Protein backbone atom coordinates (compact mmCIF):
# COMPACT_ATOMS: atom_id res chain seq x y z
CA UNK A 1 5.55 -30.96 7.23
CA UNK A 2 8.59 -29.62 8.55
CA UNK A 3 10.08 -26.20 9.13
CA UNK A 4 12.24 -26.23 6.51
CA UNK A 5 10.24 -28.12 4.80
CA UNK A 6 7.43 -25.25 4.82
CA UNK A 7 9.95 -22.86 4.30
CA UNK A 8 11.36 -24.50 1.32
CA UNK A 9 7.78 -25.33 -0.57
CA UNK A 10 6.40 -21.07 0.40
CA UNK A 11 10.29 -20.45 -1.83
CA UNK A 12 8.78 -22.91 -4.56
CA UNK A 13 5.10 -20.76 -5.27
CA UNK A 14 7.07 -17.59 -3.91
CA UNK A 15 9.47 -18.37 -7.22
CA UNK A 16 6.50 -19.58 -9.44
CA UNK A 17 4.90 -16.56 -8.66
CA UNK A 18 7.76 -14.24 -9.42
CA UNK A 19 8.21 -16.03 -13.02
CA UNK A 20 4.28 -15.89 -13.97
CA UNK A 21 4.73 -11.99 -12.64
CA UNK A 22 7.22 -10.82 -14.58
CA UNK A 23 5.79 -12.78 -17.44
CA UNK A 24 2.16 -10.86 -17.15
CA UNK A 25 2.93 -6.56 -18.22
CA UNK A 26 -0.85 -6.53 -16.70
CA UNK A 27 0.53 -7.20 -13.11
CA UNK A 28 3.90 -5.51 -13.72
CA UNK A 29 3.07 -2.56 -15.01
CA UNK A 30 0.66 -1.17 -12.57
CA UNK A 31 3.43 -2.37 -9.81
CA UNK A 32 6.31 -0.57 -10.64
CA UNK A 33 3.91 2.89 -12.48
CA UNK A 34 1.84 3.27 -10.00
CA UNK A 35 4.82 3.54 -7.29
CA UNK A 36 6.70 6.11 -10.29
CA UNK A 37 4.49 8.29 -10.30
CA UNK A 38 3.85 8.80 -7.12
CA UNK A 39 7.40 8.88 -5.75
CA UNK A 40 8.74 11.22 -8.47
CA UNK A 41 6.52 12.60 -11.16
CA UNK A 42 3.68 13.89 -8.66
CA UNK A 43 6.34 14.95 -5.80
CA UNK A 44 8.47 17.40 -9.51
CA UNK A 45 4.86 17.77 -10.84
CA UNK A 46 3.86 20.03 -7.80
CA UNK A 47 6.84 21.15 -5.35
CA UNK A 48 8.12 22.88 -8.61
CA UNK A 49 5.88 25.57 -8.89
CA UNK A 50 5.29 26.41 -5.29
CA UNK A 51 9.35 26.59 -4.97
CA UNK A 52 9.48 29.05 -8.34
CA UNK A 53 7.23 31.50 -6.46
CA UNK A 54 7.45 34.66 -5.00
CA UNK A 55 5.48 35.03 -1.53
CA UNK A 56 8.02 37.12 -0.11
CA UNK A 57 5.42 39.55 0.40
CA UNK A 58 2.92 37.19 2.18
CA UNK A 59 2.33 36.58 6.04
CA UNK A 60 1.39 33.79 7.84
CA UNK A 61 -1.34 33.95 10.40
CA UNK A 62 -0.06 31.67 13.07
CA UNK A 63 -3.16 31.44 14.84
CA UNK A 64 -5.23 30.26 11.67
CA UNK A 65 -3.79 26.89 11.56
CA UNK A 66 -2.07 25.73 14.75
CA UNK A 67 -5.04 23.83 16.04
CA UNK A 68 -5.92 22.22 11.95
CA UNK A 69 -4.64 19.05 10.95
CA UNK A 70 -1.58 19.90 9.45
CA UNK A 71 2.14 17.96 9.96
CA UNK A 72 4.88 19.84 9.86
CA UNK A 73 8.97 18.61 10.27
CA UNK A 74 9.52 22.03 12.07
CA UNK A 75 6.85 24.60 13.83
CA UNK A 76 4.19 26.19 12.14
CA UNK A 77 5.50 29.36 13.96
CA UNK A 78 8.88 29.30 11.66
CA UNK A 79 7.33 28.81 8.73
CA UNK A 80 8.02 31.25 5.93
CA UNK A 81 4.83 31.37 3.38
CA UNK A 82 6.59 29.58 0.81
CA UNK A 83 7.44 26.94 3.00
CA UNK A 84 4.07 26.50 4.39
CA UNK A 85 2.55 25.86 1.34
CA UNK A 86 5.52 22.93 0.44
CA UNK A 87 4.05 21.20 4.14
CA UNK A 88 0.51 21.54 3.51
CA UNK A 89 1.02 19.92 -0.44
CA UNK A 90 4.03 17.22 1.32
CA UNK A 91 0.26 16.47 3.61
CA UNK A 92 -1.88 15.82 0.95
CA UNK A 93 0.47 13.37 -0.34
CA UNK A 94 -0.04 11.02 3.04
CA UNK A 95 -3.33 9.06 2.33
CA UNK A 96 -1.60 7.87 -1.31
CA UNK A 97 1.12 6.02 1.01
CA UNK A 98 -2.24 4.81 2.80
CA UNK A 99 -3.86 3.49 -0.84
CA UNK A 100 -0.48 2.42 -2.23
CA UNK A 101 -0.12 -1.08 -0.62
CA UNK A 102 -3.62 -0.91 -1.10
CA UNK A 103 -3.46 -1.18 -5.01
CA UNK A 104 -0.29 -2.92 -5.68
CA UNK A 105 -1.42 -5.89 -3.96
CA UNK A 106 -5.18 -6.34 -4.95
CA UNK A 107 -3.09 -6.45 -8.59
CA UNK A 108 -1.03 -9.17 -7.95
CA UNK A 109 -3.49 -11.27 -4.79
CA UNK A 110 -6.64 -10.79 -7.54
CA UNK A 111 -4.29 -13.22 -10.00
CA UNK A 112 -3.22 -15.69 -7.45
CA UNK A 113 -5.42 -18.27 -7.72
CA UNK A 114 -7.49 -17.67 -10.93
CA UNK A 115 -4.25 -17.44 -12.27
CA UNK A 116 -3.48 -20.62 -11.76
CA UNK A 117 -7.35 -21.42 -12.83
CA UNK A 118 -6.44 -19.93 -16.07
CA UNK A 119 -3.37 -21.38 -16.78
CA UNK A 120 -5.05 -25.23 -15.79
CA UNK A 121 -2.25 -25.27 -13.61
CA UNK A 122 -4.38 -25.28 -10.57
CA UNK A 123 -4.95 -29.88 -10.36
CA UNK A 124 -0.97 -29.65 -10.04
CA UNK A 125 -0.16 -27.30 -7.63
CA UNK A 126 -3.47 -29.00 -5.67
CA UNK A 127 -1.79 -31.97 -5.97
CA UNK A 128 0.86 -31.06 -3.92
CA UNK A 129 2.14 -32.21 -0.79
CA UNK A 130 1.26 -29.34 1.46
CA UNK A 131 -1.62 -28.57 4.19
CA UNK A 132 -3.93 -25.99 2.81
CA UNK A 133 -2.92 -23.90 5.73
CA UNK A 134 0.17 -23.61 3.96
CA UNK A 135 -0.72 -23.58 0.45
CA UNK A 136 -2.82 -19.87 1.40
CA UNK A 137 0.38 -18.37 3.46
CA UNK A 138 2.60 -19.05 0.30
CA UNK A 139 0.22 -17.15 -1.61
CA UNK A 140 -0.43 -14.34 0.14
CA UNK A 141 3.91 -14.28 1.05
CA UNK A 142 4.23 -13.96 -2.42
CA UNK A 143 1.88 -10.90 -3.34
CA UNK A 144 3.06 -9.57 0.47
CA UNK A 145 6.78 -9.58 -0.45
CA UNK A 146 7.11 -7.99 -3.33
CA UNK A 147 3.95 -4.92 -2.84
CA UNK A 148 6.00 -3.78 0.53
CA UNK A 149 9.14 -3.87 -1.34
CA UNK A 150 7.21 -1.82 -4.32
CA UNK A 151 5.94 0.78 -1.02
CA UNK A 152 9.06 1.55 0.92
CA UNK A 153 11.37 1.69 -2.25
CA UNK A 154 8.70 4.22 -3.64
CA UNK A 155 8.20 5.91 -0.13
CA UNK A 156 12.67 6.02 -0.30
CA UNK A 157 12.06 7.43 -4.02
CA UNK A 158 10.09 10.38 -2.73
CA UNK A 159 11.63 11.42 -0.08
CA UNK A 160 14.98 12.02 -1.75
CA UNK A 161 13.04 13.64 -4.30
CA UNK A 162 11.22 16.30 -1.81
CA UNK A 163 14.96 16.66 -0.37
CA UNK A 164 16.16 17.59 -3.17
CA UNK A 165 13.80 19.77 -4.39
CA UNK A 166 12.96 21.82 -1.14
CA UNK A 167 16.80 21.71 0.57
CA UNK A 168 17.04 24.58 -0.93
CA UNK A 169 13.64 26.63 0.07
CA UNK A 170 14.55 25.64 4.21
CA UNK A 171 18.07 24.47 4.05
CA UNK A 172 18.03 20.93 5.78
CA UNK A 173 16.31 17.70 4.77
CA UNK A 174 13.13 17.44 5.63
CA UNK A 175 12.18 13.51 4.73
CA UNK A 176 11.50 11.23 6.64
CA UNK A 177 10.34 12.57 9.67
CA UNK A 178 9.16 10.37 12.71
CA UNK A 179 5.56 10.81 11.47
CA UNK A 180 6.41 9.65 8.21
CA UNK A 181 8.11 6.79 9.17
CA UNK A 182 4.95 5.69 11.71
CA UNK A 183 2.62 6.21 8.63
CA UNK A 184 4.44 4.38 6.26
CA UNK A 185 6.44 1.82 7.85
CA UNK A 186 3.40 0.48 10.49
CA UNK A 187 0.97 0.99 8.48
CA UNK A 188 2.12 -0.15 5.04
CA UNK A 189 2.09 -3.88 5.82
CA UNK A 190 -1.17 -4.17 7.82
CA UNK A 191 -2.65 -2.08 4.58
CA UNK A 192 -0.77 -4.37 2.18
CA UNK A 193 -2.02 -7.89 4.17
CA UNK A 194 -5.59 -6.87 4.85
CA UNK A 195 -5.58 -5.99 0.96
CA UNK A 196 -3.34 -9.47 -0.07
CA UNK A 197 -6.24 -11.57 2.15
CA UNK A 198 -9.47 -10.23 0.95
CA UNK A 199 -8.24 -11.01 -2.58
CA UNK A 200 -6.99 -14.19 -2.58
CA UNK A 201 -9.85 -15.22 -0.76
CA UNK A 202 -12.17 -13.86 -4.07
CA UNK A 203 -9.63 -15.54 -5.98
CA UNK A 204 -10.22 -18.76 -4.27
CA UNK A 205 -14.12 -18.27 -5.13
CA UNK A 206 -14.18 -17.18 -8.52
CA UNK A 207 -12.87 -18.07 -12.16
CA UNK A 208 -12.09 -14.77 -13.92
CA UNK A 209 -9.11 -12.49 -13.14
CA UNK A 210 -11.40 -9.04 -14.08
CA UNK A 211 -14.04 -10.40 -11.10
CA UNK A 212 -11.68 -11.17 -8.42
CA UNK A 213 -9.99 -7.73 -9.66
CA UNK A 214 -13.67 -5.87 -9.36
CA UNK A 215 -14.31 -7.03 -5.69
CA UNK A 216 -11.16 -7.30 -4.33
CA UNK A 217 -11.27 -3.12 -5.70
CA UNK A 218 -13.70 -2.46 -2.52
CA UNK A 219 -11.39 -3.21 -0.55
CA UNK A 220 -9.36 -0.28 -0.95
CA UNK A 221 -12.76 2.11 -0.19
CA UNK A 222 -12.30 2.45 2.97
CA UNK A 223 -8.37 3.66 2.55
CA UNK A 224 -10.39 5.64 -0.27
CA UNK A 225 -12.67 7.55 2.65
CA UNK A 226 -9.99 7.96 4.54
CA UNK A 227 -8.15 9.77 1.88
CA UNK A 228 -11.42 11.83 0.98
CA UNK A 229 -12.02 12.88 4.87
CA UNK A 230 -7.79 14.10 5.05
CA UNK A 231 -8.18 15.75 2.22
CA UNK A 232 -11.16 17.78 3.15
CA UNK A 233 -10.10 18.17 6.34
CA UNK A 234 -12.46 16.53 8.15
CA UNK A 235 -10.28 14.43 9.80
CA UNK A 236 -7.40 14.99 11.21
CA UNK A 237 -4.21 12.56 10.68
CA UNK A 238 -1.84 13.14 13.58
CA UNK A 239 -0.15 10.31 15.22
CA UNK A 240 -3.20 9.50 17.48
CA UNK A 241 -5.11 8.52 14.51
CA UNK A 242 -2.82 6.75 13.04
CA UNK A 243 -2.30 4.20 15.81
CA UNK A 244 -5.60 3.76 16.50
CA UNK A 245 -6.43 3.46 12.01
CA UNK A 246 -3.62 0.59 12.51
CA UNK A 247 -4.79 -0.85 15.29
CA UNK A 248 -8.20 -1.89 13.58
CA UNK A 249 -6.73 -2.62 10.35
CA UNK A 250 -4.52 -5.86 12.39
CA UNK A 251 -8.27 -6.50 13.55
CA UNK A 252 -9.58 -7.08 10.06
CA UNK A 253 -6.02 -8.65 8.95
CA UNK A 254 -6.81 -10.97 12.12
CA UNK A 255 -10.49 -11.36 10.93
CA UNK A 256 -10.05 -12.11 7.47
CA UNK A 257 -6.98 -13.68 7.33
CA UNK A 258 -9.36 -16.43 9.97
CA UNK A 259 -11.91 -16.83 7.76
CA UNK A 260 -9.39 -17.59 4.93
CA UNK A 261 -8.05 -20.05 6.40
CA UNK A 262 -11.22 -21.12 7.90
CA UNK A 263 -13.29 -21.26 4.21
CA UNK A 264 -9.80 -22.22 2.20
CA UNK A 265 -10.88 -25.46 0.92
CA UNK A 266 -9.67 -27.28 -2.35
CA UNK A 267 -12.66 -29.01 -3.47
CA UNK A 268 -14.39 -25.64 -2.80
CA UNK A 269 -11.47 -23.68 -4.49
CA UNK A 270 -12.18 -26.05 -7.87
CA UNK A 271 -15.48 -25.11 -7.83
CA UNK A 272 -15.24 -21.76 -7.34
CA UNK A 273 -17.63 -22.08 -3.38
CA UNK A 274 -17.50 -21.07 -0.92
């Protein structure tokens, strides 16, 4: 299949899946609700009370926090107690933006082939003149593009919300800085790819959407572990960790993608077998 024909086929699959996505509230609601909660509601709920606190009588002992896993857009030694508290709150949001690109794609990708089976359109899809590899890749792109877009829009809204709420306290706009750009910009597509490839692979082997979602949700477990370890200060999330974590996720993307392509087959998918 030529390059232009392949792109056209991807576009057909993408538009078909987007039409199904728009008509299914079980997919569209999580797609928009989770980013809005994380990007706007939670920053407002957590930062407004902090901004209203009177901490002028408190002091910051920098010696006790300088070795802690705390990312700050400005040097820790120059922070006031209120600024430090805000920085600590923002640090708690870092793992959430690793969870978003894992959760949102799992909802979309779990419906990829299972939805076709339930709607009894899978036979028509498999009869199209497209290679199995391109069919699988088209399904992955259909989940990848809206998921990554939702994650980036969520982060943009989060940054704007934080800057509006914290500018009077810091006297400058603190979001986003290089650390946040690396964290969200690098990890979002990698984690989304991992979630999508795993869920699409699972959805080709089962016949029930709920089963696909339950099995696919296991992919989020390692990200949740990172979240728990970071909040308990057992794990330090810094630039070195982000690069290492990105390398591990990229390797998993390659391995799972390779397995998905090798095990995917029209007959196997219809029968729900490996």
